[in-house]
């Protein structure tokens, strides 16, 4: 999880499954609990607040196998098939890669001109197994966009 260097925690570069099917790329990691125990999404939400609740909720809606995304978010998200990466390159893995927000697209060197739009409003783009999406926030990533992307991520 985190390591201490001169009393300061080092933020994680990766959270979740060691062999994910879906990898979400974000620019900044959440604050991690001081205890080094197992990853717990509910604890991360409590520690990091509404911003991370939104991220985990949208990610759960995209990856839950059924409509019970709340249960999935709180008990299974990041434990089996998902991961969140904060590094500056895509992980070389045969997975679906969700690159969230223009800051992440730029950081990873991805140009949306090489992707085809997935919706008329041009909020998301795809090239093979890489998806460029808005940042995971309710205003930018509404349920209609979730419904459109979810089948492509299954």
N, C-alpha and C. Protein backbone atom coordinates (compact mmCIF):
# COMPACT_ATOMS: atom_id res chain seq x y z
N UNK A 1 0.83 -1.18 0.00
CA UNK A 1 0.00 0.00 0.00
C UNK A 1 0.88 1.25 0.00
N UNK A 2 1.23 1.72 1.18
CA UNK A 2 2.11 2.88 1.23
C UNK A 2 3.37 2.52 1.99
N UNK A 3 4.41 3.23 1.70
CA UNK A 3 5.67 3.07 2.40
C UNK A 3 6.07 4.42 2.97
N UNK A 4 6.76 4.40 4.05
CA UNK A 4 7.17 5.67 4.65
C UNK A 4 8.59 6.00 4.24
N UNK A 5 8.80 7.23 3.82
CA UNK A 5 10.12 7.73 3.53
C UNK A 5 10.27 9.02 4.32
N UNK A 6 11.15 9.01 5.29
CA UNK A 6 11.37 10.15 6.16
C UNK A 6 10.05 10.64 6.75
N UNK A 7 9.19 9.69 7.16
CA UNK A 7 7.95 10.02 7.81
C UNK A 7 6.79 10.37 6.90
N UNK A 8 7.02 10.46 5.58
CA UNK A 8 5.94 10.80 4.66
C UNK A 8 5.54 9.55 3.87
N UNK A 9 4.23 9.29 3.78
CA UNK A 9 3.81 8.12 3.00
C UNK A 9 4.02 8.35 1.51
N UNK A 10 4.42 7.32 0.82
CA UNK A 10 4.55 7.36 -0.63
C UNK A 10 3.20 6.93 -1.20
N UNK A 11 2.60 7.76 -2.06
CA UNK A 11 1.29 7.38 -2.61
C UNK A 11 1.40 6.14 -3.48
N UNK A 12 0.35 5.35 -3.51
CA UNK A 12 0.39 4.14 -4.33
C UNK A 12 0.39 4.49 -5.82
N UNK A 13 0.99 3.66 -6.63
CA UNK A 13 0.98 3.83 -8.08
C UNK A 13 -0.05 2.89 -8.71
N UNK A 14 -0.62 1.99 -7.89
CA UNK A 14 -1.51 0.95 -8.42
C UNK A 14 -2.37 0.45 -7.26
N UNK A 15 -3.65 0.28 -7.52
CA UNK A 15 -4.57 -0.31 -6.55
C UNK A 15 -5.38 -1.40 -7.24
N UNK A 16 -5.56 -2.53 -6.58
CA UNK A 16 -6.49 -3.52 -7.11
C UNK A 16 -5.88 -4.85 -7.46
N UNK A 17 -6.58 -5.54 -8.32
CA UNK A 17 -6.24 -6.90 -8.71
C UNK A 17 -4.87 -6.97 -9.39
N UNK A 18 -4.08 -8.00 -9.07
CA UNK A 18 -2.79 -8.15 -9.76
C UNK A 18 -2.95 -8.63 -11.21
N UNK A 19 -4.13 -9.16 -11.54
CA UNK A 19 -4.37 -9.60 -12.92
C UNK A 19 -5.73 -9.08 -13.39
N UNK A 20 -5.84 -7.77 -13.59
CA UNK A 20 -7.13 -7.16 -13.92
C UNK A 20 -7.56 -7.36 -15.37
N UNK A 21 -8.86 -7.33 -15.56
CA UNK A 21 -9.45 -7.31 -16.90
C UNK A 21 -9.75 -5.88 -17.33
N UNK A 22 -9.94 -5.00 -16.33
CA UNK A 22 -10.24 -3.59 -16.58
C UNK A 22 -9.29 -2.74 -15.74
N UNK A 23 -8.58 -1.82 -16.39
CA UNK A 23 -7.66 -0.94 -15.68
C UNK A 23 -8.09 0.50 -15.91
N UNK A 24 -8.31 1.22 -14.83
CA UNK A 24 -8.68 2.63 -14.87
C UNK A 24 -7.43 3.45 -14.60
N UNK A 25 -7.19 4.45 -15.43
CA UNK A 25 -6.03 5.33 -15.26
C UNK A 25 -6.50 6.69 -14.78
N UNK A 26 -5.97 7.12 -13.65
CA UNK A 26 -6.30 8.41 -13.05
C UNK A 26 -5.01 9.16 -12.75
N UNK A 27 -5.10 10.50 -12.65
CA UNK A 27 -3.88 11.27 -12.41
C UNK A 27 -3.36 11.23 -10.98
N UNK A 28 -4.25 11.11 -9.99
CA UNK A 28 -3.81 11.23 -8.61
C UNK A 28 -4.42 10.14 -7.73
N UNK A 29 -3.59 9.50 -6.91
CA UNK A 29 -4.09 8.45 -6.01
C UNK A 29 -4.81 9.03 -4.81
N UNK A 30 -5.65 8.22 -4.17
CA UNK A 30 -6.30 8.67 -2.94
C UNK A 30 -5.34 8.61 -1.76
N UNK A 31 -5.72 9.26 -0.68
CA UNK A 31 -4.99 9.06 0.57
C UNK A 31 -5.24 7.63 1.02
N UNK A 32 -4.19 7.00 1.51
CA UNK A 32 -4.31 5.61 1.96
C UNK A 32 -4.36 5.56 3.48
N UNK A 33 -5.06 4.56 4.02
CA UNK A 33 -5.09 4.41 5.48
C UNK A 33 -3.69 4.18 6.04
N UNK A 34 -3.47 4.66 7.25
CA UNK A 34 -2.17 4.49 7.89
C UNK A 34 -1.86 3.02 8.14
N UNK A 35 -2.90 2.26 8.47
CA UNK A 35 -2.68 0.83 8.67
C UNK A 35 -2.40 0.21 7.31
N UNK A 36 -1.60 -0.78 7.26
CA UNK A 36 -1.25 -1.39 5.98
C UNK A 36 -2.13 -2.56 5.62
N UNK A 37 -3.36 -2.60 6.13
CA UNK A 37 -4.19 -3.78 5.89
C UNK A 37 -4.78 -3.79 4.49
N UNK A 38 -5.52 -4.82 4.18
CA UNK A 38 -6.04 -5.06 2.85
C UNK A 38 -6.85 -3.88 2.32
N UNK A 39 -6.84 -3.76 1.01
CA UNK A 39 -7.57 -2.71 0.33
C UNK A 39 -9.06 -2.81 0.65
N UNK A 40 -9.65 -1.70 1.07
CA UNK A 40 -11.06 -1.63 1.44
C UNK A 40 -11.65 -0.36 0.85
N UNK A 41 -12.50 -0.52 -0.16
CA UNK A 41 -13.07 0.63 -0.87
C UNK A 41 -13.88 1.50 0.08
N UNK A 42 -14.68 0.90 0.97
CA UNK A 42 -15.48 1.68 1.91
C UNK A 42 -14.57 2.54 2.79
N UNK A 43 -13.47 1.97 3.26
CA UNK A 43 -12.52 2.72 4.08
C UNK A 43 -11.89 3.87 3.27
N UNK A 44 -11.56 3.60 2.00
CA UNK A 44 -10.99 4.65 1.15
C UNK A 44 -11.99 5.78 0.92
N UNK A 45 -13.26 5.44 0.74
CA UNK A 45 -14.30 6.47 0.59
C UNK A 45 -14.41 7.29 1.86
N UNK A 46 -14.43 6.62 3.01
CA UNK A 46 -14.52 7.34 4.28
C UNK A 46 -13.33 8.27 4.49
N UNK A 47 -12.16 7.83 4.08
CA UNK A 47 -10.95 8.62 4.26
C UNK A 47 -10.83 9.77 3.26
N UNK A 48 -11.33 9.55 2.02
CA UNK A 48 -11.11 10.51 0.94
C UNK A 48 -12.34 11.32 0.55
N UNK A 49 -13.50 10.96 1.02
CA UNK A 49 -14.69 11.76 0.80
C UNK A 49 -15.42 11.55 -0.50
N UNK A 50 -16.28 12.52 -0.80
CA UNK A 50 -17.23 12.43 -1.90
C UNK A 50 -16.56 12.27 -3.26
N UNK A 51 -15.45 12.93 -3.48
CA UNK A 51 -14.76 12.84 -4.76
C UNK A 51 -14.45 11.38 -5.10
N UNK A 52 -13.87 10.65 -4.16
CA UNK A 52 -13.53 9.25 -4.41
C UNK A 52 -14.76 8.34 -4.36
N UNK A 53 -15.80 8.73 -3.64
CA UNK A 53 -17.06 7.96 -3.68
C UNK A 53 -17.59 7.98 -5.10
N UNK A 54 -17.55 9.14 -5.75
CA UNK A 54 -18.02 9.25 -7.14
C UNK A 54 -17.18 8.37 -8.07
N UNK A 55 -15.87 8.42 -7.92
CA UNK A 55 -14.99 7.60 -8.77
C UNK A 55 -15.30 6.12 -8.60
N UNK A 56 -15.35 5.65 -7.36
CA UNK A 56 -15.61 4.24 -7.11
C UNK A 56 -17.02 3.84 -7.56
N UNK A 57 -17.99 4.74 -7.42
CA UNK A 57 -19.36 4.44 -7.84
C UNK A 57 -19.43 4.27 -9.35
N UNK A 58 -18.86 5.19 -10.10
CA UNK A 58 -18.90 5.08 -11.56
C UNK A 58 -18.12 3.86 -12.02
N UNK A 59 -16.97 3.60 -11.41
CA UNK A 59 -16.18 2.41 -11.78
C UNK A 59 -16.98 1.14 -11.48
N UNK A 60 -17.68 1.10 -10.36
CA UNK A 60 -18.51 -0.07 -10.04
C UNK A 60 -19.66 -0.21 -11.03
N UNK A 61 -20.29 0.88 -11.41
CA UNK A 61 -21.38 0.82 -12.39
C UNK A 61 -20.87 0.28 -13.72
N UNK A 62 -19.64 0.64 -14.10
CA UNK A 62 -19.07 0.16 -15.36
C UNK A 62 -18.69 -1.32 -15.31
N UNK A 63 -18.30 -1.82 -14.14
CA UNK A 63 -17.74 -3.18 -14.09
C UNK A 63 -18.57 -4.21 -13.34
N UNK A 64 -19.60 -3.82 -12.62
CA UNK A 64 -20.41 -4.79 -11.89
C UNK A 64 -21.09 -5.75 -12.85
N UNK A 65 -21.18 -7.03 -12.50
CA UNK A 65 -21.79 -8.01 -13.39
C UNK A 65 -23.31 -7.91 -13.45
N UNK A 66 -23.92 -7.15 -12.55
CA UNK A 66 -25.37 -6.99 -12.52
C UNK A 66 -25.71 -5.56 -12.12
N UNK A 67 -26.96 -5.31 -11.77
CA UNK A 67 -27.38 -3.95 -11.43
C UNK A 67 -27.09 -3.56 -9.99
N UNK A 68 -26.59 -4.48 -9.18
CA UNK A 68 -26.32 -4.19 -7.78
C UNK A 68 -24.91 -3.62 -7.63
N UNK A 69 -24.70 -2.44 -8.22
CA UNK A 69 -23.37 -1.82 -8.21
C UNK A 69 -22.96 -1.37 -6.81
N UNK A 70 -23.93 -1.05 -5.94
CA UNK A 70 -23.57 -0.62 -4.58
C UNK A 70 -22.88 -1.75 -3.81
N UNK A 71 -23.49 -2.92 -3.85
CA UNK A 71 -22.89 -4.07 -3.18
C UNK A 71 -21.53 -4.38 -3.81
N UNK A 72 -21.48 -4.33 -5.14
CA UNK A 72 -20.24 -4.62 -5.84
C UNK A 72 -19.15 -3.63 -5.46
N UNK A 73 -19.49 -2.34 -5.44
CA UNK A 73 -18.51 -1.30 -5.06
C UNK A 73 -17.96 -1.55 -3.66
N UNK A 74 -18.84 -1.84 -2.73
CA UNK A 74 -18.44 -1.94 -1.32
C UNK A 74 -17.78 -3.26 -0.95
N UNK A 75 -17.97 -4.31 -1.78
CA UNK A 75 -17.42 -5.61 -1.36
C UNK A 75 -16.51 -6.28 -2.38
N UNK A 76 -16.61 -5.93 -3.66
CA UNK A 76 -15.83 -6.67 -4.66
C UNK A 76 -14.96 -5.81 -5.57
N UNK A 77 -15.29 -4.54 -5.71
CA UNK A 77 -14.53 -3.68 -6.61
C UNK A 77 -13.05 -3.69 -6.24
N UNK A 78 -12.20 -3.85 -7.22
CA UNK A 78 -10.73 -3.89 -7.09
C UNK A 78 -10.20 -5.17 -6.47
N UNK A 79 -11.06 -6.16 -6.23
CA UNK A 79 -10.56 -7.40 -5.63
C UNK A 79 -10.39 -8.52 -6.63
N UNK A 80 -11.08 -8.48 -7.74
CA UNK A 80 -11.02 -9.58 -8.70
C UNK A 80 -10.53 -9.18 -10.07
N UNK A 81 -11.26 -8.25 -10.70
CA UNK A 81 -10.98 -7.98 -12.11
C UNK A 81 -10.63 -6.54 -12.45
N UNK A 82 -10.58 -5.65 -11.44
CA UNK A 82 -10.31 -4.25 -11.73
C UNK A 82 -9.06 -3.76 -11.01
N UNK A 83 -8.49 -2.73 -11.59
CA UNK A 83 -7.36 -2.04 -10.96
C UNK A 83 -7.41 -0.58 -11.35
N UNK A 84 -6.75 0.24 -10.54
CA UNK A 84 -6.59 1.66 -10.85
C UNK A 84 -5.08 1.92 -10.88
N UNK A 85 -4.65 2.55 -11.95
CA UNK A 85 -3.22 2.83 -12.14
C UNK A 85 -3.01 4.35 -12.19
N UNK A 86 -1.92 4.80 -11.54
CA UNK A 86 -1.59 6.22 -11.49
C UNK A 86 -0.25 6.49 -12.20
N UNK A 87 0.31 5.49 -12.87
CA UNK A 87 1.59 5.63 -13.56
C UNK A 87 1.44 6.41 -14.86
N UNK A 88 2.56 6.69 -15.50
CA UNK A 88 2.59 7.50 -16.71
C UNK A 88 2.65 6.68 -17.99
N UNK A 89 2.27 5.41 -17.92
CA UNK A 89 2.20 4.58 -19.12
C UNK A 89 1.15 3.51 -18.93
N UNK A 90 0.63 3.04 -20.06
CA UNK A 90 -0.33 1.94 -20.00
C UNK A 90 0.39 0.67 -19.55
N UNK A 91 -0.29 -0.12 -18.79
CA UNK A 91 0.25 -1.40 -18.36
C UNK A 91 0.15 -2.37 -19.54
N UNK A 92 1.24 -3.02 -19.86
CA UNK A 92 1.25 -3.97 -20.97
C UNK A 92 0.50 -5.23 -20.54
N UNK A 93 -0.77 -5.21 -20.77
CA UNK A 93 -1.63 -6.32 -20.36
C UNK A 93 -2.82 -6.35 -21.31
N UNK A 94 -3.25 -7.55 -21.66
CA UNK A 94 -4.42 -7.71 -22.49
C UNK A 94 -5.65 -7.47 -21.61
N UNK A 95 -5.98 -6.20 -21.43
CA UNK A 95 -7.11 -5.79 -20.60
C UNK A 95 -7.79 -4.63 -21.32
N UNK A 96 -8.92 -4.21 -20.78
CA UNK A 96 -9.55 -2.99 -21.26
C UNK A 96 -9.00 -1.85 -20.40
N UNK A 97 -8.55 -0.81 -21.07
CA UNK A 97 -7.90 0.31 -20.41
C UNK A 97 -8.82 1.53 -20.52
N UNK A 98 -9.26 2.05 -19.38
CA UNK A 98 -10.08 3.26 -19.33
C UNK A 98 -9.18 4.40 -18.88
N UNK A 99 -8.94 5.33 -19.78
CA UNK A 99 -8.08 6.47 -19.46
C UNK A 99 -9.02 7.65 -19.20
N UNK A 100 -9.14 8.05 -17.93
CA UNK A 100 -10.16 9.00 -17.51
C UNK A 100 -9.62 10.42 -17.42
N UNK A 101 -10.18 11.30 -18.22
CA UNK A 101 -9.85 12.71 -18.17
C UNK A 101 -8.70 13.09 -19.08
N UNK A 102 -8.79 14.29 -19.63
CA UNK A 102 -7.75 14.76 -20.56
C UNK A 102 -6.37 14.81 -19.94
N UNK A 103 -6.29 15.11 -18.64
CA UNK A 103 -4.97 15.13 -17.98
C UNK A 103 -4.32 13.75 -18.08
N UNK A 104 -5.10 12.70 -17.95
CA UNK A 104 -4.56 11.34 -18.06
C UNK A 104 -4.21 11.01 -19.51
N UNK A 105 -5.05 11.45 -20.46
CA UNK A 105 -4.75 11.20 -21.87
C UNK A 105 -3.40 11.80 -22.22
N UNK A 106 -3.20 13.05 -21.82
CA UNK A 106 -1.95 13.76 -22.13
C UNK A 106 -0.77 13.08 -21.43
N UNK A 107 -0.94 12.77 -20.14
CA UNK A 107 0.14 12.14 -19.37
C UNK A 107 0.58 10.82 -20.00
N UNK A 108 -0.36 10.09 -20.58
CA UNK A 108 -0.04 8.80 -21.19
C UNK A 108 0.32 8.93 -22.67
N UNK A 109 0.31 10.15 -23.20
CA UNK A 109 0.69 10.37 -24.60
C UNK A 109 -0.33 9.86 -25.60
N UNK A 110 -1.60 9.88 -25.23
CA UNK A 110 -2.66 9.39 -26.13
C UNK A 110 -3.35 10.56 -26.80
N UNK A 111 -3.46 10.48 -28.12
CA UNK A 111 -4.07 11.54 -28.92
C UNK A 111 -5.43 11.05 -29.40
N UNK A 112 -6.47 11.76 -29.03
CA UNK A 112 -7.82 11.31 -29.38
C UNK A 112 -8.03 11.25 -30.89
N UNK A 113 -7.18 11.90 -31.68
CA UNK A 113 -7.30 11.82 -33.14
C UNK A 113 -7.06 10.40 -33.65
N UNK A 114 -6.37 9.58 -32.85
CA UNK A 114 -6.12 8.19 -33.24
C UNK A 114 -7.23 7.24 -32.77
N UNK A 115 -8.28 7.80 -32.19
CA UNK A 115 -9.40 7.01 -31.65
C UNK A 115 -10.68 7.38 -32.39
N UNK A 116 -11.64 6.47 -32.39
CA UNK A 116 -12.93 6.82 -33.00
C UNK A 116 -13.94 7.13 -31.90
N UNK A 117 -14.80 8.15 -32.12
CA UNK A 117 -15.77 8.54 -31.10
C UNK A 117 -16.82 7.44 -30.90
N UNK A 118 -17.25 7.27 -29.66
CA UNK A 118 -18.25 6.27 -29.32
C UNK A 118 -19.65 6.86 -29.17
N UNK A 119 -19.74 8.18 -29.10
CA UNK A 119 -21.05 8.80 -28.93
C UNK A 119 -21.11 10.09 -29.75
N UNK A 120 -22.33 10.52 -30.04
CA UNK A 120 -22.54 11.72 -30.86
C UNK A 120 -21.98 12.97 -30.20
N UNK A 121 -21.95 13.00 -28.88
CA UNK A 121 -21.45 14.18 -28.17
C UNK A 121 -19.93 14.16 -28.03
N UNK A 122 -19.30 13.11 -28.53
CA UNK A 122 -17.85 12.94 -28.48
C UNK A 122 -17.31 13.11 -27.05
N UNK A 123 -17.90 12.33 -26.15
CA UNK A 123 -17.43 12.32 -24.76
C UNK A 123 -16.48 11.15 -24.51
N UNK A 124 -16.52 10.15 -25.40
CA UNK A 124 -15.64 8.99 -25.22
C UNK A 124 -15.20 8.48 -26.59
N UNK A 125 -14.00 7.88 -26.58
CA UNK A 125 -13.39 7.39 -27.81
C UNK A 125 -12.79 6.02 -27.55
N UNK A 126 -12.63 5.25 -28.62
CA UNK A 126 -12.05 3.91 -28.49
C UNK A 126 -11.05 3.66 -29.60
N UNK A 127 -9.97 2.96 -29.25
CA UNK A 127 -9.03 2.39 -30.21
C UNK A 127 -8.65 1.03 -29.64
N UNK A 128 -9.09 -0.02 -30.30
CA UNK A 128 -8.88 -1.39 -29.83
C UNK A 128 -9.40 -1.53 -28.40
N UNK A 129 -8.53 -1.82 -27.45
CA UNK A 129 -8.99 -2.05 -26.06
C UNK A 129 -8.71 -0.86 -25.14
N UNK A 130 -8.48 0.31 -25.73
CA UNK A 130 -8.22 1.52 -24.95
C UNK A 130 -9.37 2.51 -25.16
N UNK A 131 -9.91 3.00 -24.05
CA UNK A 131 -11.03 3.93 -24.06
C UNK A 131 -10.60 5.25 -23.43
N UNK A 132 -10.81 6.34 -24.14
CA UNK A 132 -10.60 7.66 -23.58
C UNK A 132 -11.97 8.15 -23.11
N UNK A 133 -12.06 8.51 -21.85
CA UNK A 133 -13.34 8.91 -21.27
C UNK A 133 -13.19 10.21 -20.50
N UNK A 134 -14.32 10.82 -20.16
CA UNK A 134 -14.23 11.95 -19.25
C UNK A 134 -13.75 11.47 -17.88
N UNK A 135 -13.38 12.41 -17.04
CA UNK A 135 -13.04 12.09 -15.67
C UNK A 135 -14.27 11.50 -14.99
N UNK A 136 -14.09 10.61 -14.04
CA UNK A 136 -15.21 9.94 -13.40
C UNK A 136 -15.89 10.85 -12.38
N UNK A 137 -16.76 11.69 -12.90
CA UNK A 137 -17.56 12.62 -12.11
C UNK A 137 -18.96 12.58 -12.71
N UNK A 138 -19.98 12.70 -11.90
CA UNK A 138 -21.36 12.56 -12.38
C UNK A 138 -21.72 13.53 -13.49
N UNK A 139 -21.24 14.76 -13.43
CA UNK A 139 -21.59 15.73 -14.48
C UNK A 139 -20.96 15.36 -15.81
N UNK A 140 -19.73 14.89 -15.78
CA UNK A 140 -19.02 14.56 -17.01
C UNK A 140 -19.29 13.13 -17.48
N UNK A 141 -19.67 12.26 -16.56
CA UNK A 141 -19.82 10.83 -16.85
C UNK A 141 -21.20 10.37 -16.38
N UNK A 142 -22.26 10.80 -17.09
CA UNK A 142 -23.63 10.47 -16.66
C UNK A 142 -23.97 9.01 -16.90
N UNK A 143 -25.09 8.59 -16.34
CA UNK A 143 -25.54 7.20 -16.47
C UNK A 143 -25.71 6.78 -17.92
N UNK A 144 -26.10 7.69 -18.80
CA UNK A 144 -26.26 7.34 -20.22
C UNK A 144 -24.92 6.91 -20.83
N UNK A 145 -23.85 7.58 -20.46
CA UNK A 145 -22.52 7.21 -20.95
C UNK A 145 -22.07 5.89 -20.33
N UNK A 146 -22.38 5.69 -19.06
CA UNK A 146 -22.08 4.42 -18.40
C UNK A 146 -22.78 3.27 -19.14
N UNK A 147 -24.07 3.46 -19.45
CA UNK A 147 -24.83 2.42 -20.15
C UNK A 147 -24.25 2.12 -21.53
N UNK A 148 -23.70 3.13 -22.17
CA UNK A 148 -23.10 2.95 -23.50
C UNK A 148 -21.77 2.20 -23.41
N UNK A 149 -20.96 2.51 -22.41
CA UNK A 149 -19.63 1.90 -22.30
C UNK A 149 -19.64 0.51 -21.65
N UNK A 150 -20.55 0.28 -20.74
CA UNK A 150 -20.56 -0.98 -19.98
C UNK A 150 -20.49 -2.23 -20.87
N UNK A 151 -21.30 -2.34 -21.92
CA UNK A 151 -21.21 -3.55 -22.77
C UNK A 151 -19.85 -3.71 -23.47
N UNK A 152 -19.18 -2.60 -23.75
CA UNK A 152 -17.87 -2.66 -24.40
C UNK A 152 -16.78 -3.12 -23.45
N UNK A 153 -17.03 -3.02 -22.15
CA UNK A 153 -16.04 -3.39 -21.14
C UNK A 153 -16.24 -4.81 -20.63
N UNK A 154 -17.34 -5.44 -20.99
CA UNK A 154 -17.66 -6.80 -20.49
C UNK A 154 -16.89 -7.86 -21.24
